[in-house]
Amino acid sequence: MEIEIRAKLSSPTRIVKRLKNDTRIVLEGTKKEKDLYFKHQSDKERKLVLRIRRTATGDVLTFKAKSKGADTAWPDVDMPLGHAKTLESILRNSDYEEVVTITKDRTTFRCGSLEINVDHIKELGWFIEVEARGKQSGRKKLEKQISDFLVEIGISKDDIIRQGYVPLALAIKK
């Protein structure tokens, strides 16, 4: 299960510098990602979302089940995708509808078991997203670990958001 918490960044340069200067944290790289989210027309509650992620190094199909918790945890499965355009066409012609597209420039860091992403999202602005993997039974403990890490690197508790990028993007779309 993917457990993640994000925060809006008013000063991304300061946070990136802090991450780069912390000896516990390793810079993994930077990439552009384009995420297309689909749901079936009959799935009014978005119990299962399909994401096609396009990057320069390859595409990935992700199945995301309904959020467990305050939009911070999702059972998910990723798999390499060889024919993203073909799958997109099949979905669009099989009663799947695009929920939202999110385009981002992502810089990824790692600190132990935590993945840290500093994202510039075309539609939303700058964010930091910290992710851990675990089981539903350990979700609260991991959420606390992530929140504590964000505060430790200088993120105000007031800037922490317990919503995913999809609901944030849908809110501005309305």
N, C-alpha and C. Protein backbone atom coordinates (compact mmCIF):
# COMPACT_ATOMS: atom_id res chain seq x y z
N MET A 1 0.84 -1.17 0.00
CA MET A 1 0.00 0.00 0.00
C MET A 1 0.89 1.24 0.00
N GLU A 2 0.50 2.19 -0.80
CA GLU A 2 1.22 3.46 -0.91
C GLU A 2 0.61 4.44 0.10
N ILE A 3 1.46 4.99 0.97
CA ILE A 3 1.01 5.96 1.97
C ILE A 3 1.82 7.23 1.73
N GLU A 4 1.11 8.32 1.44
CA GLU A 4 1.83 9.56 1.11
C GLU A 4 1.11 10.77 1.65
N ILE A 5 1.92 11.76 1.98
CA ILE A 5 1.41 13.05 2.45
C ILE A 5 2.18 14.11 1.69
N ARG A 6 1.50 15.18 1.37
CA ARG A 6 2.15 16.26 0.61
C ARG A 6 1.92 17.59 1.29
N ALA A 7 2.68 18.57 0.83
CA ALA A 7 2.53 19.93 1.34
C ALA A 7 2.75 20.90 0.19
N LYS A 8 2.02 21.98 0.23
CA LYS A 8 2.19 23.06 -0.74
C LYS A 8 3.50 23.77 -0.39
N LEU A 9 4.29 24.12 -1.42
CA LEU A 9 5.57 24.80 -1.19
C LEU A 9 5.50 26.24 -1.66
N SER A 10 5.83 27.15 -0.77
CA SER A 10 5.93 28.55 -1.17
C SER A 10 7.37 28.88 -1.58
N SER A 11 8.32 28.08 -1.06
CA SER A 11 9.73 28.30 -1.38
C SER A 11 10.40 26.97 -1.75
N PRO A 12 10.13 26.48 -2.97
CA PRO A 12 10.71 25.18 -3.36
C PRO A 12 12.23 25.18 -3.38
N THR A 13 12.85 26.30 -3.74
CA THR A 13 14.32 26.37 -3.79
C THR A 13 14.93 26.11 -2.42
N ARG A 14 14.32 26.68 -1.38
CA ARG A 14 14.82 26.49 0.00
C ARG A 14 14.73 25.02 0.40
N ILE A 15 13.62 24.38 0.08
CA ILE A 15 13.43 22.97 0.46
C ILE A 15 14.39 22.06 -0.31
N VAL A 16 14.54 22.29 -1.61
CA VAL A 16 15.46 21.48 -2.42
C VAL A 16 16.88 21.62 -1.88
N LYS A 17 17.28 22.83 -1.54
CA LYS A 17 18.62 23.06 -0.98
C LYS A 17 18.79 22.30 0.33
N ARG A 18 17.77 22.36 1.17
CA ARG A 18 17.82 21.66 2.45
C ARG A 18 17.94 20.14 2.24
N LEU A 19 17.18 19.61 1.29
CA LEU A 19 17.26 18.17 1.00
C LEU A 19 18.64 17.79 0.48
N LYS A 20 19.19 18.60 -0.43
CA LYS A 20 20.51 18.31 -1.01
C LYS A 20 21.62 18.39 0.03
N ASN A 21 21.45 19.24 1.05
CA ASN A 21 22.49 19.42 2.06
C ASN A 21 22.40 18.43 3.22
N ASP A 22 21.34 17.65 3.27
CA ASP A 22 21.15 16.67 4.34
C ASP A 22 21.86 15.37 3.94
N THR A 23 22.85 14.96 4.73
CA THR A 23 23.67 13.79 4.37
C THR A 23 22.89 12.47 4.39
N ARG A 24 21.73 12.45 5.04
CA ARG A 24 20.91 11.23 5.07
C ARG A 24 20.13 11.04 3.78
N ILE A 25 20.04 12.11 2.99
CA ILE A 25 19.14 12.12 1.83
C ILE A 25 19.94 12.02 0.54
N VAL A 26 19.48 11.16 -0.36
CA VAL A 26 20.15 10.93 -1.65
C VAL A 26 19.27 11.45 -2.77
N LEU A 27 19.86 12.25 -3.67
CA LEU A 27 19.15 12.72 -4.86
C LEU A 27 19.13 11.58 -5.87
N GLU A 28 17.92 11.19 -6.32
CA GLU A 28 17.80 10.10 -7.30
C GLU A 28 17.66 10.60 -8.72
N GLY A 29 17.13 11.81 -8.92
CA GLY A 29 17.03 12.33 -10.28
C GLY A 29 15.81 13.20 -10.50
N THR A 30 15.74 13.71 -11.73
CA THR A 30 14.66 14.60 -12.13
C THR A 30 14.05 14.07 -13.42
N LYS A 31 12.73 14.18 -13.53
CA LYS A 31 12.05 13.73 -14.75
C LYS A 31 10.74 14.48 -14.93
N LYS A 32 10.24 14.40 -16.15
CA LYS A 32 8.92 14.93 -16.47
C LYS A 32 7.96 13.75 -16.50
N GLU A 33 6.76 13.96 -15.93
CA GLU A 33 5.74 12.93 -15.93
C GLU A 33 4.41 13.53 -16.39
N LYS A 34 3.70 12.75 -17.18
CA LYS A 34 2.34 13.13 -17.56
C LYS A 34 1.44 11.98 -17.15
N ASP A 35 0.53 12.26 -16.21
CA ASP A 35 -0.36 11.24 -15.67
C ASP A 35 -1.78 11.46 -16.17
N LEU A 36 -2.34 10.43 -16.79
CA LEU A 36 -3.73 10.46 -17.23
C LEU A 36 -4.50 9.50 -16.33
N TYR A 37 -5.53 10.00 -15.65
CA TYR A 37 -6.34 9.20 -14.74
C TYR A 37 -7.68 8.88 -15.38
N PHE A 38 -8.06 7.60 -15.33
CA PHE A 38 -9.31 7.13 -15.91
C PHE A 38 -10.13 6.39 -14.87
N LYS A 39 -11.45 6.47 -15.02
CA LYS A 39 -12.36 5.64 -14.25
C LYS A 39 -13.46 5.17 -15.18
N HIS A 40 -14.09 4.06 -14.82
CA HIS A 40 -15.20 3.56 -15.62
C HIS A 40 -16.43 4.43 -15.36
N GLN A 41 -17.23 4.66 -16.39
CA GLN A 41 -18.41 5.52 -16.25
C GLN A 41 -19.36 5.03 -15.17
N SER A 42 -19.44 3.72 -14.95
CA SER A 42 -20.36 3.18 -13.94
C SER A 42 -19.81 3.31 -12.52
N ASP A 43 -18.55 3.67 -12.38
CA ASP A 43 -17.89 3.77 -11.07
C ASP A 43 -18.02 5.20 -10.54
N LYS A 44 -19.18 5.52 -10.00
CA LYS A 44 -19.46 6.89 -9.54
C LYS A 44 -18.60 7.30 -8.35
N GLU A 45 -18.20 6.33 -7.53
CA GLU A 45 -17.42 6.64 -6.33
C GLU A 45 -15.91 6.55 -6.56
N ARG A 46 -15.49 6.32 -7.78
CA ARG A 46 -14.06 6.16 -8.12
C ARG A 46 -13.40 5.12 -7.22
N LYS A 47 -13.98 3.91 -7.18
CA LYS A 47 -13.42 2.83 -6.37
C LYS A 47 -12.15 2.26 -6.99
N LEU A 48 -12.04 2.34 -8.31
CA LEU A 48 -10.84 1.88 -9.00
C LEU A 48 -10.46 2.92 -10.05
N VAL A 49 -9.25 3.41 -9.95
CA VAL A 49 -8.75 4.40 -10.90
C VAL A 49 -7.57 3.79 -11.63
N LEU A 50 -7.51 4.00 -12.93
CA LEU A 50 -6.37 3.57 -13.73
C LEU A 50 -5.57 4.82 -14.09
N ARG A 51 -4.25 4.71 -13.93
CA ARG A 51 -3.39 5.83 -14.30
C ARG A 51 -2.40 5.35 -15.35
N ILE A 52 -2.31 6.12 -16.42
CA ILE A 52 -1.25 5.91 -17.40
C ILE A 52 -0.24 7.02 -17.16
N ARG A 53 0.97 6.62 -16.75
CA ARG A 53 2.04 7.60 -16.51
C ARG A 53 3.03 7.52 -17.66
N ARG A 54 3.25 8.66 -18.30
CA ARG A 54 4.20 8.74 -19.42
C ARG A 54 5.45 9.48 -18.95
N THR A 55 6.61 8.86 -19.21
CA THR A 55 7.90 9.50 -18.93
C THR A 55 8.83 9.20 -20.09
N ALA A 56 9.94 9.90 -20.13
CA ALA A 56 10.92 9.69 -21.21
C ALA A 56 11.54 8.30 -21.13
N THR A 57 11.57 7.70 -19.94
CA THR A 57 12.22 6.40 -19.78
C THR A 57 11.26 5.22 -19.88
N GLY A 58 9.98 5.49 -20.08
CA GLY A 58 9.00 4.42 -20.22
C GLY A 58 7.69 4.76 -19.55
N ASP A 59 6.66 4.05 -19.96
CA ASP A 59 5.32 4.30 -19.44
C ASP A 59 4.95 3.22 -18.42
N VAL A 60 4.03 3.60 -17.51
CA VAL A 60 3.61 2.70 -16.44
C VAL A 60 2.10 2.77 -16.31
N LEU A 61 1.48 1.62 -16.14
CA LEU A 61 0.06 1.54 -15.84
C LEU A 61 -0.08 1.25 -14.35
N THR A 62 -0.92 2.04 -13.68
CA THR A 62 -1.15 1.85 -12.25
C THR A 62 -2.64 1.64 -12.00
N PHE A 63 -2.95 0.64 -11.20
CA PHE A 63 -4.30 0.42 -10.71
C PHE A 63 -4.32 0.94 -9.28
N LYS A 64 -5.22 1.88 -8.99
CA LYS A 64 -5.34 2.42 -7.64
C LYS A 64 -6.75 2.14 -7.12
N ALA A 65 -6.82 1.47 -5.97
CA ALA A 65 -8.11 1.19 -5.35
C ALA A 65 -8.53 2.38 -4.48
N LYS A 66 -9.76 2.36 -4.04
CA LYS A 66 -10.32 3.45 -3.23
C LYS A 66 -9.41 3.76 -2.06
N SER A 67 -9.27 5.05 -1.78
CA SER A 67 -8.44 5.53 -0.70
C SER A 67 -8.88 4.95 0.64
N LYS A 68 -7.90 4.61 1.45
CA LYS A 68 -8.18 4.17 2.82
C LYS A 68 -7.58 5.22 3.74
N GLY A 69 -8.43 5.96 4.40
CA GLY A 69 -7.95 7.05 5.23
C GLY A 69 -8.23 8.36 4.54
N ALA A 70 -7.66 9.42 5.06
CA ALA A 70 -7.93 10.77 4.58
C ALA A 70 -7.17 11.06 3.29
N ASP A 71 -7.41 10.25 2.27
CA ASP A 71 -6.77 10.41 0.96
C ASP A 71 -5.25 10.38 1.06
N THR A 72 -4.74 9.55 1.98
CA THR A 72 -3.29 9.42 2.13
C THR A 72 -2.79 8.02 1.81
N ALA A 73 -3.70 7.04 1.67
CA ALA A 73 -3.26 5.66 1.47
C ALA A 73 -4.13 4.97 0.43
N TRP A 74 -3.47 4.28 -0.51
CA TRP A 74 -4.17 3.57 -1.58
C TRP A 74 -3.49 2.24 -1.84
N PRO A 75 -4.28 1.16 -1.89
CA PRO A 75 -3.71 -0.07 -2.43
C PRO A 75 -3.45 0.18 -3.93
N ASP A 76 -2.26 -0.15 -4.40
CA ASP A 76 -1.97 0.11 -5.82
C ASP A 76 -1.03 -0.93 -6.39
N VAL A 77 -1.08 -1.06 -7.71
CA VAL A 77 -0.20 -1.98 -8.44
C VAL A 77 0.31 -1.24 -9.67
N ASP A 78 1.63 -1.24 -9.86
CA ASP A 78 2.26 -0.63 -11.04
C ASP A 78 2.78 -1.73 -11.95
N MET A 79 2.68 -1.49 -13.27
CA MET A 79 3.28 -2.42 -14.22
C MET A 79 3.76 -1.65 -15.45
N PRO A 80 4.89 -2.09 -16.02
CA PRO A 80 5.38 -1.43 -17.24
C PRO A 80 4.32 -1.50 -18.33
N LEU A 81 4.29 -0.48 -19.16
CA LEU A 81 3.29 -0.39 -20.21
C LEU A 81 4.00 -0.13 -21.53
N GLY A 82 3.88 -1.06 -22.45
CA GLY A 82 4.56 -0.95 -23.74
C GLY A 82 3.81 -0.15 -24.79
N HIS A 83 2.50 -0.06 -24.66
CA HIS A 83 1.70 0.59 -25.70
C HIS A 83 0.68 1.53 -25.06
N ALA A 84 1.16 2.62 -24.47
CA ALA A 84 0.29 3.54 -23.73
C ALA A 84 -0.80 4.14 -24.61
N LYS A 85 -0.46 4.56 -25.82
CA LYS A 85 -1.46 5.18 -26.69
C LYS A 85 -2.56 4.18 -27.06
N THR A 86 -2.17 2.94 -27.30
CA THR A 86 -3.16 1.91 -27.63
C THR A 86 -4.09 1.67 -26.45
N LEU A 87 -3.52 1.53 -25.25
CA LEU A 87 -4.36 1.32 -24.07
C LEU A 87 -5.28 2.51 -23.84
N GLU A 88 -4.75 3.71 -23.99
CA GLU A 88 -5.58 4.91 -23.83
C GLU A 88 -6.78 4.87 -24.78
N SER A 89 -6.55 4.49 -26.01
CA SER A 89 -7.62 4.39 -27.01
C SER A 89 -8.64 3.32 -26.61
N ILE A 90 -8.16 2.18 -26.15
CA ILE A 90 -9.06 1.10 -25.71
C ILE A 90 -9.92 1.58 -24.54
N LEU A 91 -9.31 2.24 -23.57
CA LEU A 91 -10.07 2.73 -22.41
C LEU A 91 -11.14 3.72 -22.84
N ARG A 92 -10.75 4.67 -23.68
CA ARG A 92 -11.71 5.70 -24.11
C ARG A 92 -12.88 5.08 -24.89
N ASN A 93 -12.65 3.97 -25.56
CA ASN A 93 -13.70 3.31 -26.34
C ASN A 93 -14.41 2.20 -25.57
N SER A 94 -14.12 2.09 -24.27
CA SER A 94 -14.72 1.03 -23.44
C SER A 94 -15.40 1.61 -22.20
N ASP A 95 -16.00 2.76 -22.35
CA ASP A 95 -16.75 3.41 -21.27
C ASP A 95 -15.87 3.88 -20.10
N TYR A 96 -14.58 4.06 -20.36
CA TYR A 96 -13.74 4.71 -19.37
C TYR A 96 -13.66 6.18 -19.75
N GLU A 97 -13.65 7.02 -18.73
CA GLU A 97 -13.53 8.45 -18.99
C GLU A 97 -12.31 9.00 -18.26
N GLU A 98 -11.70 9.98 -18.90
CA GLU A 98 -10.55 10.62 -18.28
C GLU A 98 -11.06 11.52 -17.16
N VAL A 99 -10.52 11.32 -15.97
CA VAL A 99 -10.90 12.11 -14.81
C VAL A 99 -10.12 13.42 -14.81
N VAL A 100 -8.81 13.31 -15.01
CA VAL A 100 -7.94 14.48 -14.97
C VAL A 100 -6.57 14.10 -15.55
N THR A 101 -5.86 15.10 -16.05
CA THR A 101 -4.46 14.93 -16.48
C THR A 101 -3.60 15.81 -15.59
N ILE A 102 -2.52 15.25 -15.10
CA ILE A 102 -1.59 16.00 -14.25
C ILE A 102 -0.21 15.92 -14.88
N THR A 103 0.36 17.08 -15.17
CA THR A 103 1.68 17.18 -15.80
C THR A 103 2.64 17.77 -14.77
N LYS A 104 3.77 17.08 -14.55
CA LYS A 104 4.68 17.57 -13.52
C LYS A 104 6.15 17.37 -13.89
N ASP A 105 6.96 18.27 -13.32
CA ASP A 105 8.41 18.11 -13.28
C ASP A 105 8.69 17.62 -11.87
N ARG A 106 9.36 16.48 -11.75
CA ARG A 106 9.55 15.83 -10.45
C ARG A 106 11.03 15.61 -10.18
N THR A 107 11.46 16.05 -9.00
CA THR A 107 12.80 15.75 -8.50
C THR A 107 12.62 14.79 -7.33
N THR A 108 13.29 13.63 -7.42
CA THR A 108 13.10 12.57 -6.44
C THR A 108 14.35 12.40 -5.58
N PHE A 109 14.11 12.27 -4.28
CA PHE A 109 15.14 12.01 -3.28
C PHE A 109 14.73 10.76 -2.51
N ARG A 110 15.69 10.18 -1.78
CA ARG A 110 15.39 9.05 -0.91
C ARG A 110 16.07 9.29 0.43
N CYS A 111 15.31 8.98 1.50
CA CYS A 111 15.84 9.03 2.86
C CYS A 111 15.39 7.75 3.56
N GLY A 112 16.28 6.76 3.60
CA GLY A 112 15.89 5.46 4.14
C GLY A 112 14.77 4.87 3.31
N SER A 113 13.66 4.55 3.97
CA SER A 113 12.52 3.94 3.26
C SER A 113 11.56 4.98 2.69
N LEU A 114 11.84 6.26 2.89
CA LEU A 114 10.96 7.32 2.39
C LEU A 114 11.39 7.78 1.01
N GLU A 115 10.42 7.91 0.11
CA GLU A 115 10.65 8.55 -1.18
C GLU A 115 10.13 9.97 -1.07
N ILE A 116 10.96 10.94 -1.45
CA ILE A 116 10.61 12.35 -1.36
C ILE A 116 10.59 12.93 -2.76
N ASN A 117 9.46 13.50 -3.15
CA ASN A 117 9.33 14.11 -4.47
C ASN A 117 9.02 15.59 -4.32
N VAL A 118 9.81 16.40 -5.00
CA VAL A 118 9.49 17.83 -5.12
C VAL A 118 8.92 18.00 -6.51
N ASP A 119 7.65 18.38 -6.56
CA ASP A 119 6.90 18.42 -7.81
C ASP A 119 6.49 19.84 -8.18
N HIS A 120 6.74 20.19 -9.44
CA HIS A 120 6.11 21.39 -9.99
C HIS A 120 5.02 20.89 -10.91
N ILE A 121 3.79 21.10 -10.49
CA ILE A 121 2.64 20.62 -11.24
C ILE A 121 2.05 21.78 -12.02
N LYS A 122 2.02 21.59 -13.32
CA LYS A 122 1.55 22.65 -14.22
C LYS A 122 0.22 23.22 -13.76
N GLU A 123 -0.69 22.35 -13.35
CA GLU A 123 -2.04 22.76 -13.00
C GLU A 123 -2.18 23.30 -11.58
N LEU A 124 -1.19 23.03 -10.69
CA LEU A 124 -1.38 23.32 -9.26
C LEU A 124 -0.28 24.12 -8.58
N GLY A 125 0.94 24.11 -9.12
CA GLY A 125 2.04 24.79 -8.46
C GLY A 125 3.05 23.81 -7.87
N TRP A 126 3.76 24.24 -6.82
CA TRP A 126 4.84 23.47 -6.21
C TRP A 126 4.36 22.71 -4.99
N PHE A 127 4.83 21.45 -4.88
CA PHE A 127 4.49 20.59 -3.74
C PHE A 127 5.69 19.73 -3.38
N ILE A 128 5.69 19.28 -2.14
CA ILE A 128 6.58 18.18 -1.73
C ILE A 128 5.66 17.03 -1.35
N GLU A 129 6.03 15.84 -1.79
CA GLU A 129 5.24 14.63 -1.51
C GLU A 129 6.20 13.61 -0.91
N VAL A 130 5.86 13.08 0.24
CA VAL A 130 6.69 12.06 0.88
C VAL A 130 5.87 10.78 0.95
N GLU A 131 6.49 9.70 0.49
CA GLU A 131 5.78 8.42 0.34
C GLU A 131 6.52 7.30 1.06
N ALA A 132 5.73 6.43 1.68
CA ALA A 132 6.25 5.20 2.26
C ALA A 132 5.34 4.07 1.79
N ARG A 133 5.84 2.85 1.89
CA ARG A 133 5.01 1.69 1.55
C ARG A 133 4.82 0.88 2.83
N GLY A 134 3.60 0.40 3.00
CA GLY A 134 3.31 -0.38 4.20
C GLY A 134 1.95 -1.02 4.10
N LYS A 135 1.52 -1.58 5.21
CA LYS A 135 0.22 -2.24 5.28
C LYS A 135 -0.78 -1.31 5.95
N GLN A 136 -2.05 -1.58 5.73
CA GLN A 136 -3.12 -0.78 6.34
C GLN A 136 -2.94 -0.72 7.85
N SER A 137 -2.52 -1.83 8.46
CA SER A 137 -2.37 -1.88 9.92
C SER A 137 -1.29 -0.92 10.43
N GLY A 138 -0.33 -0.56 9.59
CA GLY A 138 0.73 0.36 10.00
C GLY A 138 0.58 1.77 9.44
N ARG A 139 -0.57 2.06 8.84
CA ARG A 139 -0.78 3.34 8.15
C ARG A 139 -0.58 4.54 9.07
N LYS A 140 -1.21 4.52 10.25
CA LYS A 140 -1.13 5.68 11.17
C LYS A 140 0.32 5.96 11.57
N LYS A 141 1.08 4.91 11.85
CA LYS A 141 2.48 5.07 12.25
C LYS A 141 3.29 5.69 11.11
N LEU A 142 3.07 5.22 9.87
CA LEU A 142 3.79 5.77 8.72
C LEU A 142 3.37 7.21 8.43
N GLU A 143 2.08 7.51 8.58
CA GLU A 143 1.63 8.89 8.39
C GLU A 143 2.32 9.82 9.38
N LYS A 144 2.47 9.38 10.64
CA LYS A 144 3.16 10.19 11.64
C LYS A 144 4.64 10.36 11.27
N GLN A 145 5.28 9.27 10.83
CA GLN A 145 6.68 9.35 10.42
C GLN A 145 6.86 10.36 9.28
N ILE A 146 5.96 10.32 8.31
CA ILE A 146 6.03 11.24 7.17
C ILE A 146 5.80 12.68 7.63
N SER A 147 4.76 12.90 8.44
CA SER A 147 4.47 14.25 8.94
C SER A 147 5.64 14.80 9.75
N ASP A 148 6.22 13.96 10.61
CA ASP A 148 7.38 14.39 11.41
C ASP A 148 8.55 14.75 10.51
N PHE A 149 8.78 13.97 9.46
CA PHE A 149 9.86 14.26 8.52
C PHE A 149 9.63 15.61 7.84
N LEU A 150 8.41 15.86 7.39
CA LEU A 150 8.10 17.14 6.73
C LEU A 150 8.38 18.32 7.66
N VAL A 151 7.97 18.21 8.91
CA VAL A 151 8.22 19.29 9.89
C VAL A 151 9.72 19.43 10.12
N GLU A 152 10.43 18.31 10.21
CA GLU A 152 11.88 18.32 10.44
C GLU A 152 12.64 19.07 9.33
N ILE A 153 12.16 18.98 8.09
CA ILE A 153 12.86 19.66 6.99
C ILE A 153 12.36 21.08 6.76
N GLY A 154 11.48 21.55 7.65
CA GLY A 154 11.08 22.96 7.58
C GLY A 154 9.71 23.24 6.99
N ILE A 155 8.88 22.21 6.86
CA ILE A 155 7.52 22.41 6.35
C ILE A 155 6.61 22.72 7.54
N SER A 156 5.83 23.77 7.42
CA SER A 156 4.87 24.12 8.46
C SER A 156 3.74 23.10 8.48
N LYS A 157 3.29 22.74 9.68
CA LYS A 157 2.15 21.81 9.80
C LYS A 157 0.93 22.36 9.06
N ASP A 158 0.81 23.68 9.00
CA ASP A 158 -0.32 24.32 8.31
C ASP A 158 -0.29 24.09 6.80
N ASP A 159 0.88 23.80 6.25
CA ASP A 159 1.01 23.59 4.80
C ASP A 159 0.81 22.13 4.39
N ILE A 160 0.72 21.23 5.37
CA ILE A 160 0.54 19.81 5.07
C ILE A 160 -0.88 19.58 4.58
N ILE A 161 -0.97 18.84 3.47
CA ILE A 161 -2.26 18.58 2.81
C ILE A 161 -2.50 17.08 2.81
N ARG A 162 -3.68 16.69 3.22
CA ARG A 162 -4.02 15.26 3.23
C ARG A 162 -4.98 14.95 2.09
N GLN A 163 -4.64 15.48 0.92
CA GLN A 163 -5.39 15.22 -0.30
C GLN A 163 -4.40 14.88 -1.39
N GLY A 164 -4.82 14.03 -2.30
CA GLY A 164 -3.99 13.69 -3.44
C GLY A 164 -4.08 14.75 -4.52
N TYR A 165 -3.20 14.63 -5.50
CA TYR A 165 -3.20 15.59 -6.61
C TYR A 165 -4.49 15.54 -7.42
N VAL A 166 -5.10 14.37 -7.53
CA VAL A 166 -6.33 14.26 -8.33
C VAL A 166 -7.45 15.10 -7.73
N PRO A 167 -7.79 14.95 -6.43
CA PRO A 167 -8.85 15.81 -5.88
C PRO A 167 -8.49 17.29 -5.92
N LEU A 168 -7.20 17.61 -5.73
CA LEU A 168 -6.79 19.02 -5.81
C LEU A 168 -7.01 19.57 -7.22
N ALA A 169 -6.65 18.77 -8.23
CA ALA A 169 -6.84 19.21 -9.62
C ALA A 169 -8.32 19.29 -9.98
N LEU A 170 -9.11 18.35 -9.48
CA LEU A 170 -10.56 18.38 -9.75
C LEU A 170 -11.21 19.60 -9.12
N ALA A 171 -10.72 20.01 -7.94
CA ALA A 171 -11.30 21.17 -7.26
C ALA A 171 -11.11 22.45 -8.06
N ILE A 172 -9.96 22.61 -8.74
CA ILE A 172 -9.75 23.83 -9.53
C ILE A 172 -10.41 23.75 -10.89
N LYS A 173 -10.75 22.52 -11.30
CA LYS A 173 -11.39 22.30 -12.59
C LYS A 173 -12.86 22.74 -12.56
N LYS A 174 -13.46 22.72 -11.37
CA LYS A 174 -14.89 23.04 -11.23
C LYS A 174 -15.19 24.49 -11.47
